[in-house]
Amino acid sequence: MRKFLRCLVLALAIFPFFSCADSDPDIVTVSGTMVFDYADEESFPAGRLAIFVQTASEVQRVESIVATHKQTGYTWRVSSPVVFKSGDKQWTCYTNLQSPEQTHIPNGQYECTYIDAAGEEVTATFVVNYAEKLFETKSADIKNVLTSSTDSLALYDKNGVLLFFGKKKSNWRVNANILRDYSHAVMLRHCLSSANNRAVCLLPPESLFESQNAEKTNSGEDDE
């Protein structure tokens, strides 16, 4: 479930879904996005590569996906990746490809091979291109690197279930107003996407209740 939610959040941040259908293995598009995950405000982020494959065949038939960096030959094989549908749109994804020890995920051209349950293969290329300085950038300074970015908000309940993802509503100037709309929410995260969706930064988790107490201390009352 956690892997599925991770895929869903990133998919919502990155893609305008579009449709097509067929029965043979066929890749419509492959996208590779670097994810920078901040545990707190003082630490540098952990980096991982997320791959999303839209197929024209039934996504449930996927057996594995293989990603290979052409220049270095680094290869990742993912068995039983996460699969999901949105209407007649179908995807397979994996959001936690790690770099070899003491290296970063390399920029450049990759090949992605999709293998279905019958052993049929189809291959497509994609490009990873992100600002490597993000690995040495704290959350407060991200916008100095991602000079043009989209800010989305994710709300979670106590079990880590995603309740909302999207643009912050105009009346959510304080957390008390968020809790009026989503009473089961306990945590929020800001998600900054680069203009070309080549990088996504997940800012540190924030407790809605701790932030709400700080707001009351600073203002003396909630903003209506």
Protein backbone atom coordinates (compact mmCIF):
# COMPACT_ATOMS: atom_id res chain seq x y z
CA MET A 1 0.00 0.00 0.00
CA ARG A 2 2.82 2.43 0.85
CA LYS A 3 4.48 1.84 -2.55
CA PHE A 4 1.15 2.42 -4.29
CA LEU A 5 0.59 5.70 -2.43
CA ARG A 6 4.08 6.86 -3.30
CA CYS A 7 3.39 6.18 -6.97
CA LEU A 8 0.01 7.90 -6.79
CA VAL A 9 1.36 11.10 -5.21
CA LEU A 10 4.14 11.39 -7.78
CA ALA A 11 1.81 10.56 -10.65
CA LEU A 12 -0.56 13.33 -9.56
CA ALA A 13 2.37 15.73 -9.35
CA ILE A 14 3.86 14.89 -12.72
CA PHE A 15 1.41 13.67 -15.35
CA PRO A 16 -1.66 14.79 -17.26
CA PHE A 17 -3.08 11.32 -17.93
CA PHE A 18 -4.11 10.41 -21.46
CA SER A 19 -5.57 7.27 -22.93
CA CYS A 20 -5.19 4.53 -25.47
CA ALA A 21 -5.90 0.79 -25.52
CA ASP A 22 -4.67 -2.40 -27.16
CA SER A 23 -3.90 -6.01 -26.22
CA ASP A 24 -0.25 -6.43 -27.30
CA PRO A 25 2.67 -5.18 -25.22
CA ASP A 26 3.27 -1.59 -26.24
CA ILE A 27 4.77 1.41 -24.45
CA VAL A 28 3.04 4.72 -25.00
CA THR A 29 5.50 6.78 -22.99
CA VAL A 30 8.17 6.44 -20.29
CA SER A 31 9.05 9.20 -17.84
CA GLY A 32 11.92 9.33 -15.38
CA THR A 33 11.76 11.82 -12.53
CA MET A 34 14.25 12.42 -9.74
CA VAL A 35 12.63 12.57 -6.33
CA PHE A 36 14.30 14.50 -3.51
CA ASP A 37 12.80 13.49 -0.19
CA TYR A 38 13.45 15.72 2.83
CA ALA A 39 13.14 14.13 6.28
CA ASP A 40 13.62 17.46 8.08
CA GLU A 41 14.73 21.05 7.55
CA GLU A 42 18.34 20.50 8.58
CA SER A 43 19.27 17.52 6.41
CA PHE A 44 20.10 17.22 2.75
CA PRO A 45 17.57 15.14 0.79
CA ALA A 46 17.63 11.47 -0.08
CA GLY A 47 17.46 11.05 -3.84
CA ARG A 48 15.75 8.31 -5.83
CA LEU A 49 14.55 7.80 -9.38
CA ALA A 50 10.88 7.25 -10.18
CA ILE A 51 9.88 5.59 -13.46
CA PHE A 52 6.38 5.67 -14.90
CA VAL A 53 5.49 3.56 -17.93
CA GLN A 54 2.21 4.12 -19.72
CA THR A 55 1.23 1.11 -21.78
CA ALA A 56 -1.30 0.40 -24.49
CA SER A 57 -1.65 -3.17 -23.21
CA GLU A 58 -3.26 -4.43 -20.02
CA VAL A 59 -0.96 -3.16 -17.28
CA GLN A 60 -1.88 -6.10 -15.01
CA ARG A 61 0.11 -8.35 -17.35
CA VAL A 62 3.45 -6.78 -16.46
CA GLU A 63 6.07 -9.15 -15.04
CA SER A 64 8.96 -6.71 -14.66
CA ILE A 65 10.56 -3.54 -15.93
CA VAL A 66 14.28 -3.03 -16.53
CA ALA A 67 15.96 0.40 -16.66
CA THR A 68 19.49 0.81 -18.04
CA HIS A 69 21.64 3.93 -18.16
CA LYS A 70 23.24 3.81 -21.60
CA GLN A 71 26.53 5.50 -20.77
CA THR A 72 27.46 3.66 -17.55
CA GLY A 73 25.54 0.42 -18.07
CA TYR A 74 23.94 0.72 -14.62
CA THR A 75 20.86 -1.52 -14.66
CA TRP A 76 17.88 -1.82 -12.35
CA ARG A 77 15.39 -4.69 -12.65
CA VAL A 78 12.06 -4.37 -10.85
CA SER A 79 9.92 -7.48 -10.44
CA SER A 80 6.18 -7.01 -9.90
CA PRO A 81 6.16 -3.20 -10.05
CA VAL A 82 3.19 -1.18 -8.86
CA VAL A 83 0.32 -1.06 -11.38
CA PHE A 84 -2.74 1.16 -11.47
CA LYS A 85 -5.44 2.52 -13.74
CA SER A 86 -7.25 5.82 -14.04
CA GLY A 87 -10.31 5.28 -16.21
CA ASP A 88 -8.97 3.78 -19.42
CA LYS A 89 -5.42 4.97 -18.70
CA GLN A 90 -2.99 2.38 -17.38
CA TRP A 91 0.39 2.64 -15.80
CA THR A 92 3.15 0.64 -14.19
CA CYS A 93 5.66 2.37 -11.97
CA TYR A 94 8.43 2.12 -9.45
CA THR A 95 9.45 5.14 -7.40
CA ASN A 96 12.48 3.96 -5.43
CA LEU A 97 15.37 3.24 -7.79
CA GLN A 98 18.52 3.85 -5.76
CA SER A 99 21.94 4.82 -7.08
CA PRO A 100 25.01 2.64 -6.59
CA GLU A 101 26.78 3.33 -3.29
CA GLN A 102 28.43 6.76 -2.98
CA THR A 103 27.12 7.93 -6.35
CA HIS A 104 24.09 9.83 -7.61
CA ILE A 105 21.56 8.68 -10.18
CA PRO A 106 23.29 9.71 -13.42
CA ASN A 107 21.79 12.16 -15.88
CA GLY A 108 21.50 11.07 -19.48
CA GLN A 109 19.64 8.64 -21.70
CA TYR A 110 18.11 5.43 -20.41
CA GLU A 111 16.40 2.41 -21.91
CA CYS A 112 13.32 0.95 -20.27
CA THR A 113 12.28 -2.61 -21.13
CA TYR A 114 8.75 -3.70 -20.25
CA ILE A 115 8.31 -7.49 -19.90
CA ASP A 116 4.82 -8.97 -19.72
CA ALA A 117 3.65 -12.22 -18.12
CA ALA A 118 4.06 -14.07 -21.45
CA GLY A 119 7.72 -13.04 -21.68
CA GLU A 120 7.11 -10.52 -24.47
CA GLU A 121 9.37 -7.46 -24.34
CA VAL A 122 9.14 -3.92 -25.62
CA THR A 123 11.71 -1.17 -25.11
CA ALA A 124 11.57 2.62 -25.11
CA THR A 125 14.04 5.36 -24.18
CA PHE A 126 13.74 8.22 -21.71
CA VAL A 127 15.99 10.97 -20.41
CA VAL A 128 16.91 11.91 -16.85
CA ASN A 129 18.03 15.54 -16.54
CA TYR A 130 18.04 17.27 -13.17
CA ALA A 131 20.14 19.79 -11.23
CA GLU A 132 22.60 17.69 -9.22
CA LYS A 133 23.13 20.59 -6.80
CA LEU A 134 19.76 19.61 -5.26
CA PHE A 135 21.62 16.87 -3.38
CA GLU A 136 23.43 19.63 -1.48
CA THR A 137 20.43 21.94 -1.06
CA LYS A 138 18.39 22.18 2.14
CA SER A 139 14.62 22.54 1.93
CA ALA A 140 14.62 26.26 2.75
CA ASP A 141 16.81 26.96 -0.29
CA ILE A 142 15.09 24.79 -2.91
CA LYS A 143 13.51 27.69 -4.76
CA ASN A 144 16.97 29.11 -5.40
CA VAL A 145 17.60 26.01 -7.53
CA LEU A 146 14.10 25.31 -8.84
CA THR A 147 13.52 28.88 -9.94
CA SER A 148 10.29 27.91 -11.72
CA SER A 149 8.30 25.30 -9.83
CA THR A 150 4.75 24.21 -9.05
CA ASP A 151 3.74 23.86 -5.39
CA SER A 152 1.19 21.20 -4.50
CA LEU A 153 -0.08 20.11 -1.10
CA ALA A 154 -0.54 16.55 0.17
CA LEU A 155 -2.63 15.76 3.26
CA TYR A 156 -2.39 12.45 5.12
CA ASP A 157 -4.31 10.78 7.94
CA LYS A 158 -2.71 9.09 10.97
CA ASN A 159 -2.16 5.89 8.97
CA GLY A 160 -0.35 7.68 6.15
CA VAL A 161 -3.33 7.43 3.79
CA LEU A 162 -3.46 10.24 1.23
CA LEU A 163 -6.58 12.37 1.73
CA PHE A 164 -5.90 15.25 -0.65
CA PHE A 165 -3.38 16.25 -3.28
CA GLY A 166 -3.52 19.46 -5.28
CA LYS A 167 -3.30 23.21 -5.12
CA LYS A 168 -3.71 24.77 -1.70
CA LYS A 169 -7.20 26.23 -1.41
CA SER A 170 -7.51 29.98 -1.03
CA ASN A 171 -9.17 29.71 2.40
CA TRP A 172 -6.42 27.47 3.80
CA ARG A 173 -4.39 30.38 5.13
CA VAL A 174 -4.13 28.63 8.52
CA ASN A 175 -4.21 24.95 9.37
CA ALA A 176 -7.43 25.28 11.36
CA ASN A 177 -9.21 25.88 8.06
CA ILE A 178 -7.60 22.80 6.52
CA LEU A 179 -8.85 20.73 9.46
CA ARG A 180 -12.36 22.04 8.97
CA ASP A 181 -12.35 20.54 5.48
CA TYR A 182 -10.29 17.41 6.31
CA SER A 183 -10.90 16.59 9.96
CA HIS A 184 -8.94 13.31 9.78
CA ALA A 185 -5.79 14.94 8.40
CA VAL A 186 -2.78 14.96 10.72
CA MET A 187 0.14 15.73 8.42
CA LEU A 188 0.89 17.81 5.34
CA ARG A 189 3.74 17.91 2.85
CA HIS A 190 4.50 20.45 0.17
CA CYS A 191 5.52 18.98 -3.18
CA LEU A 192 7.57 21.19 -5.51
CA SER A 193 7.76 20.08 -9.15
CA SER A 194 10.23 21.57 -11.60
CA ALA A 195 8.85 23.25 -14.69
CA ASN A 196 9.68 20.24 -16.87
CA ASN A 197 8.77 17.66 -14.18
CA ARG A 198 12.32 16.30 -14.26
CA ALA A 199 12.60 16.78 -10.48
CA VAL A 200 10.13 16.62 -7.60
CA CYS A 201 11.01 17.79 -4.09
CA LEU A 202 9.00 16.44 -1.17
CA LEU A 203 9.44 18.94 1.65
CA PRO A 204 9.66 17.83 5.28
CA PRO A 205 6.42 16.47 6.84
CA GLU A 206 4.56 18.97 8.99
CA SER A 207 2.17 18.12 11.80
CA LEU A 208 -1.06 20.04 11.29
CA PHE A 209 -1.62 20.21 15.02
CA GLU A 210 1.84 21.45 16.00
CA SER A 211 1.64 24.10 13.28
CA GLN A 212 -1.87 25.03 14.40
CA ASN A 213 -0.66 25.60 17.98
CA ALA A 214 2.16 27.80 16.69
CA GLU A 215 -0.34 29.82 14.65
CA LYS A 216 -2.51 30.38 17.72
CA THR A 217 0.51 31.50 19.72
CA ASN A 218 1.58 33.96 17.03
CA SER A 219 -1.82 35.39 16.11
CA GLY A 220 -4.03 34.77 19.12
CA GLU A 221 -6.86 33.49 16.91
CA ASP A 222 -7.62 31.50 13.78
CA ASP A 223 -7.91 33.18 10.40
CA GLU A 224 -11.46 32.78 9.13
